[in-house]
Amino acid sequence: MDITLRCTIYPSCNISLILKRLFFHTELKLHFGSLVLKNLQQINKVSLHNSADNKLNSIQERVNLHKNSNSLPDTSTNRNIGNPFIELNEIESTNNYAMQLVQQGIATHGMAVFAHHQTAGKGQRSKQWFSAAGQNIVLSVILRTNNLAVSAQFGLSMAIALAVHEFFTTYAICETFIKWPNDLYWRDRKAGGILIENIIRGKEWQWAIVGIGININQTNFENNIANPVSLKQITGKNFHPVNLSKELCTYIEKAFSQLEREGIAPIVQAYNGYLYKKGETVTLKKNNILFSGTIQSVDANGFLSVTAATNEDYAVGELEWVNPSL
């Protein structure tokens, strides 16, 4: 089942006005007819690819087909990642939008939120992620993580980084790496980044909001962005960001399923196989002190092992890369 919703959303509007309840366990229920638009003055347009009636009929037919199928999975975490695929023209942050879906109780495992333009994208360490409108992948995927241990949080980060890496290397054939903790690098230039926000209640890890930004067609970047590169600059070709985002979802599904089935060990091994600057000596900074060290590996908890005067492990956020090319 492939459901695509396309709408124009503005930060001030209430998510529940656009989507009521999409899923309840394995049964999908659509209630577009009962939407109560309390903030009409804040919503300029809500549209589907085709006419609303035709689209609803088409969606309902596919829903009924799946509901009557013996192949329908029993657990929500086995539904295809990327269904439904919500396409927005403009939003402050796809991660914030996805988080609101979770908080309002209308999120389901695998929901993907794509934006053509993100006005306040979020990066690591409270930094902003800048992306030219309509040119790149700006995507957030909602994952149900209650089958994973809370201790597997960096394992998920590794799995997503591997999914992004595998997707990107289908187009940029070689010299693509994962820079600790989870940036996508081509040679010595940054092609993308990942931000995962988790919802943990008590001892249960309930949800993960996986935000992914990848430079696709953009060729002009702001001066304050260090060493960026896009897929177009690498290949000389133009791409369709929406189609690529849907394709990326299949890689995320593969990686997430592997993490659930096989655990963290094979993920850690694969991640270290693509680790940026592994075995090389680089300049790093901790607490405003510069030092040189050789990158060794990253463990399942996200600690980076660096050989300097002694062997030390560093948690995410403890170090900064300060090499001119980084």
Protein backbone atom coordinates (compact mmCIF):
# COMPACT_ATOMS: atom_id res chain seq x y z
CA MET A 1 0.00 0.00 0.00
CA ASP A 2 1.46 3.33 -1.10
CA ILE A 3 -0.37 6.39 0.20
CA THR A 4 0.87 9.86 -0.67
CA LEU A 5 -0.64 12.99 0.85
CA ARG A 6 0.38 16.38 -0.46
CA CYS A 7 -0.53 19.62 1.26
CA THR A 8 0.61 23.10 2.12
CA ILE A 9 1.16 23.43 5.86
CA TYR A 10 2.17 26.44 7.88
CA PRO A 11 3.75 26.29 11.33
CA SER A 12 0.78 27.79 13.11
CA CYS A 13 -1.76 25.22 11.97
CA ASN A 14 -2.82 22.27 14.09
CA ILE A 15 -1.71 18.90 12.71
CA SER A 16 -4.91 17.22 13.84
CA LEU A 17 -6.87 19.50 11.54
CA ILE A 18 -5.17 17.89 8.58
CA LEU A 19 -5.01 14.29 9.72
CA LYS A 20 -7.39 12.70 12.21
CA ARG A 21 -6.64 9.13 13.05
CA LEU A 22 -4.80 7.26 10.29
CA PHE A 23 -4.19 3.93 11.95
CA PHE A 24 -5.50 1.91 14.89
CA HIS A 25 -3.27 -1.15 15.39
CA THR A 26 -3.27 -2.94 11.98
CA GLU A 27 -6.49 -1.37 10.76
CA LEU A 28 -6.25 1.87 8.77
CA LYS A 29 -9.19 4.22 9.09
CA LEU A 30 -9.46 7.45 7.13
CA HIS A 31 -11.70 10.20 8.43
CA PHE A 32 -11.03 13.07 6.06
CA GLY A 33 -14.76 13.79 5.88
CA SER A 34 -14.89 14.55 9.61
CA LEU A 35 -12.00 17.00 9.77
CA VAL A 36 -12.95 20.00 11.87
CA LEU A 37 -11.07 23.03 10.57
CA LYS A 38 -10.94 25.30 13.61
CA ASN A 39 -8.15 27.46 12.24
CA LEU A 40 -9.44 28.17 8.74
CA GLN A 41 -7.79 31.55 8.68
CA GLN A 42 -4.39 29.88 9.17
CA ILE A 43 -4.72 27.25 6.47
CA ASN A 44 -4.35 28.51 2.91
CA LYS A 45 -4.71 25.23 1.08
CA VAL A 46 -5.19 21.52 1.65
CA SER A 47 -4.93 19.48 -1.52
CA LEU A 48 -4.40 15.95 -2.72
CA HIS A 49 -2.67 14.95 -5.97
CA ASN A 50 -6.01 14.20 -7.63
CA SER A 51 -9.54 15.19 -6.67
CA ALA A 52 -10.33 14.47 -3.03
CA ASP A 53 -13.16 12.07 -3.78
CA ASN A 54 -11.22 10.03 -6.34
CA LYS A 55 -8.17 9.89 -4.09
CA LEU A 56 -10.21 8.81 -1.07
CA ASN A 57 -11.93 6.09 -3.09
CA SER A 58 -8.58 4.86 -4.40
CA ILE A 59 -7.05 4.84 -0.93
CA GLN A 60 -10.08 3.11 0.61
CA GLU A 61 -10.01 0.39 -2.05
CA ARG A 62 -6.36 -0.35 -1.29
CA VAL A 63 -7.03 -0.28 2.45
CA ASN A 64 -9.85 -2.79 2.10
CA LEU A 65 -7.65 -4.98 -0.08
CA HIS A 66 -4.97 -5.07 2.57
CA LYS A 67 -7.44 -5.56 5.41
CA ASN A 68 -8.84 -8.64 3.68
CA SER A 69 -5.42 -10.04 2.84
CA ASN A 70 -3.91 -12.89 4.83
CA SER A 71 -0.51 -11.33 4.25
CA LEU A 72 -1.27 -8.27 6.36
CA PRO A 73 1.31 -8.15 9.17
CA ASP A 74 0.08 -8.54 12.72
CA THR A 75 2.44 -5.94 14.19
CA SER A 76 2.65 -2.29 13.22
CA THR A 77 6.44 -2.36 12.98
CA ASN A 78 6.26 -4.62 9.94
CA ARG A 79 4.38 -2.15 7.76
CA ASN A 80 6.37 -0.60 4.96
CA ILE A 81 8.40 2.42 6.00
CA GLY A 82 7.34 5.33 3.84
CA ASN A 83 3.61 4.55 3.95
CA PRO A 84 1.91 6.90 4.28
CA PHE A 85 4.22 9.43 2.65
CA ILE A 86 3.22 12.98 3.60
CA GLU A 87 4.47 15.64 1.20
CA LEU A 88 4.50 19.24 2.42
CA ASN A 89 5.28 22.37 0.46
CA GLU A 90 6.65 24.30 3.44
CA ILE A 91 7.13 23.65 7.15
CA GLU A 92 9.37 24.90 9.93
CA SER A 93 10.79 21.46 10.68
CA THR A 94 9.78 18.00 9.50
CA ASN A 95 11.03 16.57 12.80
CA ASN A 96 8.79 18.94 14.76
CA TYR A 97 5.85 18.07 12.52
CA ALA A 98 6.46 14.34 13.00
CA MET A 99 6.83 14.82 16.75
CA GLN A 100 3.41 16.52 16.87
CA LEU A 101 1.89 13.54 15.07
CA VAL A 102 3.28 11.29 17.81
CA GLN A 103 2.19 13.57 20.63
CA GLN A 104 -1.35 13.81 19.24
CA GLY A 105 -1.62 10.03 19.01
CA ILE A 106 -2.04 9.86 15.23
CA ALA A 107 1.45 8.67 14.29
CA THR A 108 2.10 5.17 13.00
CA HIS A 109 5.27 3.23 12.43
CA GLY A 110 6.80 4.08 9.06
CA MET A 111 5.11 7.43 8.47
CA ALA A 112 7.38 9.65 6.36
CA VAL A 113 7.19 13.44 6.26
CA PHE A 114 8.85 15.19 3.31
CA ALA A 115 9.11 18.97 2.85
CA HIS A 116 10.04 20.86 -0.29
CA HIS A 117 11.07 23.78 1.91
CA GLN A 118 12.05 23.74 5.57
CA THR A 119 12.35 27.15 7.20
CA ALA A 120 13.89 26.09 10.52
CA GLY A 121 15.56 22.73 9.97
CA LYS A 122 17.26 21.09 12.93
CA GLY A 123 20.81 19.76 13.01
CA GLN A 124 23.09 18.25 15.62
CA ARG A 125 23.95 20.24 18.77
CA SER A 126 21.06 22.66 18.28
CA LYS A 127 22.49 23.82 14.96
CA GLN A 128 20.23 24.71 12.07
CA TRP A 129 20.12 22.63 8.90
CA PHE A 130 20.00 24.85 5.81
CA SER A 131 18.53 23.52 2.57
CA ALA A 132 17.55 25.33 -0.61
CA ALA A 133 13.83 25.09 -1.34
CA GLY A 134 12.81 22.27 -3.66
CA GLN A 135 16.30 20.94 -4.28
CA ASN A 136 17.14 18.41 -1.59
CA ILE A 137 15.93 15.54 0.56
CA VAL A 138 14.33 16.92 3.71
CA LEU A 139 12.72 13.93 5.36
CA SER A 140 11.58 12.68 8.75
CA VAL A 141 10.55 9.09 9.38
CA ILE A 142 8.60 7.93 12.42
CA LEU A 143 9.73 4.59 13.83
CA ARG A 144 8.02 2.52 16.54
CA THR A 145 10.88 1.37 18.72
CA ASN A 146 9.16 -0.44 21.61
CA ASN A 147 10.69 -3.72 20.39
CA LEU A 148 14.19 -2.30 20.90
CA ALA A 149 16.06 -1.87 24.16
CA VAL A 150 16.74 1.68 25.32
CA SER A 151 20.44 0.78 25.17
CA ALA A 152 20.14 0.32 21.39
CA GLN A 153 19.71 4.03 20.66
CA PHE A 154 23.11 4.46 19.03
CA GLY A 155 22.59 1.14 17.30
CA LEU A 156 19.60 2.71 15.55
CA SER A 157 21.72 5.77 14.70
CA MET A 158 24.29 3.45 13.12
CA ALA A 159 21.61 1.54 11.22
CA ILE A 160 20.12 4.74 9.78
CA ALA A 161 23.60 6.00 8.84
CA LEU A 162 24.23 2.74 7.01
CA ALA A 163 20.90 3.03 5.19
CA VAL A 164 21.72 6.57 4.08
CA HIS A 165 25.22 5.47 3.05
CA GLU A 166 23.94 2.51 1.01
CA PHE A 167 21.32 4.69 -0.68
CA PHE A 168 23.82 7.43 -1.55
CA THR A 169 26.44 5.05 -2.93
CA THR A 170 23.98 3.77 -5.52
CA TYR A 171 24.50 7.16 -7.20
CA ALA A 172 27.88 8.37 -5.89
CA ILE A 173 29.61 5.08 -6.51
CA CYS A 174 32.69 5.35 -4.30
CA GLU A 175 34.51 7.43 -1.68
CA THR A 176 31.42 7.81 0.51
CA PHE A 177 31.84 7.51 4.28
CA ILE A 178 30.07 7.89 7.61
CA LYS A 179 31.62 10.60 9.75
CA TRP A 180 31.12 10.00 13.45
CA PRO A 181 28.52 10.15 14.76
CA ASN A 182 26.26 10.04 11.69
CA ASP A 183 27.13 12.55 8.97
CA LEU A 184 27.28 11.48 5.33
CA TYR A 185 30.58 12.41 3.68
CA TRP A 186 31.81 12.16 0.12
CA ARG A 187 35.59 12.43 0.12
CA ASP A 188 36.16 15.29 2.58
CA ARG A 189 32.85 17.05 1.96
CA LYS A 190 29.55 16.81 3.77
CA ALA A 191 26.64 15.51 1.72
CA GLY A 192 24.08 14.93 4.46
CA GLY A 193 23.25 14.67 8.12
CA ILE A 194 20.98 12.76 10.48
CA LEU A 195 19.17 13.90 13.62
CA ILE A 196 17.29 11.33 15.71
CA GLU A 197 14.97 12.43 18.50
CA ASN A 198 13.69 9.73 20.84
CA ILE A 199 10.59 9.43 23.00
CA ILE A 200 11.26 7.31 26.07
CA ARG A 201 8.68 6.83 28.80
CA GLY A 202 9.86 5.01 31.89
CA LYS A 203 11.96 2.11 30.69
CA GLU A 204 10.25 1.87 27.31
CA TRP A 205 11.68 3.42 24.16
CA GLN A 206 8.46 4.16 22.34
CA TRP A 207 9.29 6.22 19.26
CA ALA A 208 12.19 7.58 17.25
CA ILE A 209 11.86 10.55 14.92
CA VAL A 210 14.57 10.14 12.27
CA GLY A 211 15.39 13.39 10.49
CA ILE A 212 17.51 13.16 7.34
CA GLY A 213 18.84 15.94 5.15
CA ILE A 214 20.80 15.12 1.98
CA ASN A 215 22.09 17.60 -0.60
CA ILE A 216 20.70 16.52 -3.97
CA ASN A 217 20.44 19.26 -6.63
CA GLN A 218 21.78 22.26 -4.71
CA THR A 219 24.99 23.76 -6.08
CA ASN A 220 25.12 27.14 -4.31
CA PHE A 221 25.54 27.07 -0.54
CA GLU A 222 25.71 29.78 2.09
CA ASN A 223 29.20 30.89 3.02
CA ASN A 224 28.87 29.77 6.64
CA ILE A 225 28.30 26.15 5.61
CA ALA A 226 31.59 24.27 5.66
CA ASN A 227 32.64 21.90 2.87
CA PRO A 228 29.21 20.98 1.44
CA VAL A 229 28.65 18.81 -1.62
CA SER A 230 25.55 17.62 -3.45
CA LEU A 231 24.73 14.59 -5.56
CA LYS A 232 24.45 16.85 -8.60
CA GLN A 233 27.96 18.21 -8.04
CA ILE A 234 29.28 14.66 -7.80
CA THR A 235 27.42 13.16 -10.76
CA GLY A 236 26.55 16.17 -12.95
CA LYS A 237 22.93 14.98 -13.02
CA ASN A 238 19.60 16.35 -11.75
CA PHE A 239 17.40 14.18 -9.54
CA HIS A 240 13.84 14.15 -8.24
CA PRO A 241 14.02 14.66 -4.45
CA VAL A 242 10.57 13.18 -3.73
CA ASN A 243 11.28 10.00 -5.66
CA LEU A 244 14.69 9.68 -4.03
CA SER A 245 13.12 10.14 -0.58
CA LYS A 246 10.70 7.29 -1.23
CA GLU A 247 13.61 5.16 -2.41
CA LEU A 248 15.56 6.06 0.73
CA CYS A 249 12.66 4.76 2.82
CA THR A 250 13.24 1.26 1.41
CA TYR A 251 16.84 1.36 2.63
CA ILE A 252 15.71 2.51 6.07
CA GLU A 253 13.22 -0.35 6.21
CA LYS A 254 15.96 -2.85 5.36
CA ALA A 255 18.33 -1.47 7.99
CA PHE A 256 15.67 -1.21 10.70
CA SER A 257 14.50 -4.76 10.06
CA GLN A 258 18.08 -6.00 10.32
CA LEU A 259 18.51 -4.23 13.65
CA GLU A 260 15.33 -5.85 15.00
CA ARG A 261 16.26 -9.32 13.71
CA GLU A 262 20.00 -9.52 14.24
CA GLY A 263 20.75 -6.99 16.96
CA ILE A 264 23.51 -4.42 17.10
CA ALA A 265 26.65 -6.50 16.46
CA PRO A 266 26.51 -6.70 12.62
CA ILE A 267 25.43 -3.06 12.46
CA VAL A 268 28.49 -1.97 14.45
CA GLN A 269 30.81 -3.99 12.23
CA ALA A 270 29.35 -2.57 9.02
CA TYR A 271 29.38 0.98 10.38
CA ASN A 272 33.07 0.79 11.22
CA GLY A 273 33.78 -0.50 7.74
CA TYR A 274 32.71 2.88 6.35
CA LEU A 275 34.02 5.06 9.19
CA TYR A 276 35.44 8.35 7.94
CA LYS A 277 39.20 8.78 8.53
CA LYS A 278 39.51 5.37 10.17
CA GLY A 279 43.18 4.62 10.77
CA GLU A 280 44.17 8.20 9.95
CA THR A 281 45.55 10.89 12.24
CA VAL A 282 43.39 14.00 12.53
CA THR A 283 43.24 17.12 14.67
CA LEU A 284 40.47 17.18 17.26
CA LYS A 285 39.37 19.55 19.99
CA LYS A 286 38.07 18.86 23.47
CA ASN A 287 37.32 21.63 25.94
CA ASN A 288 39.10 24.13 23.66
CA ILE A 289 42.27 22.01 23.71
CA LEU A 290 43.61 20.80 20.36
CA PHE A 291 45.26 17.43 20.00
CA SER A 292 46.15 14.93 17.29
CA GLY A 293 44.83 11.40 17.38
CA THR A 294 44.26 8.38 15.18
CA ILE A 295 40.66 7.34 14.58
CA GLN A 296 40.19 3.69 15.55
CA SER A 297 36.54 2.65 15.82
CA VAL A 298 33.11 3.37 17.27
CA ASP A 299 31.39 1.01 19.71
CA ALA A 300 27.71 0.13 20.09
CA ASN A 301 27.16 2.96 22.57
CA GLY A 302 28.57 5.56 20.22
CA PHE A 303 31.95 6.06 21.88
CA LEU A 304 34.73 6.98 19.46
CA SER A 305 38.06 5.33 20.17
CA VAL A 306 41.03 7.60 19.46
CA THR A 307 44.71 6.79 19.89
CA ALA A 308 46.71 9.82 21.01
CA ALA A 309 49.17 9.81 23.90
CA THR A 310 46.90 7.11 25.29
CA ASN A 311 43.89 5.26 23.99
CA GLU A 312 40.70 7.06 24.96
CA ASP A 313 37.03 6.81 24.18
CA TYR A 314 34.87 9.88 23.60
CA ALA A 315 31.12 10.24 23.81
CA VAL A 316 29.07 11.97 21.15
CA GLY A 317 29.40 15.72 21.62
CA GLU A 318 32.72 15.61 23.46
CA LEU A 319 34.93 16.24 20.44
CA GLU A 320 35.03 18.63 17.52
CA TRP A 321 36.77 18.02 14.21
CA VAL A 322 39.00 20.99 13.51
CA ASN A 323 40.97 19.94 10.44
CA PRO A 324 40.68 22.60 7.72
CA SER A 325 38.93 20.15 5.40
CA LEU A 326 36.46 19.05 8.05
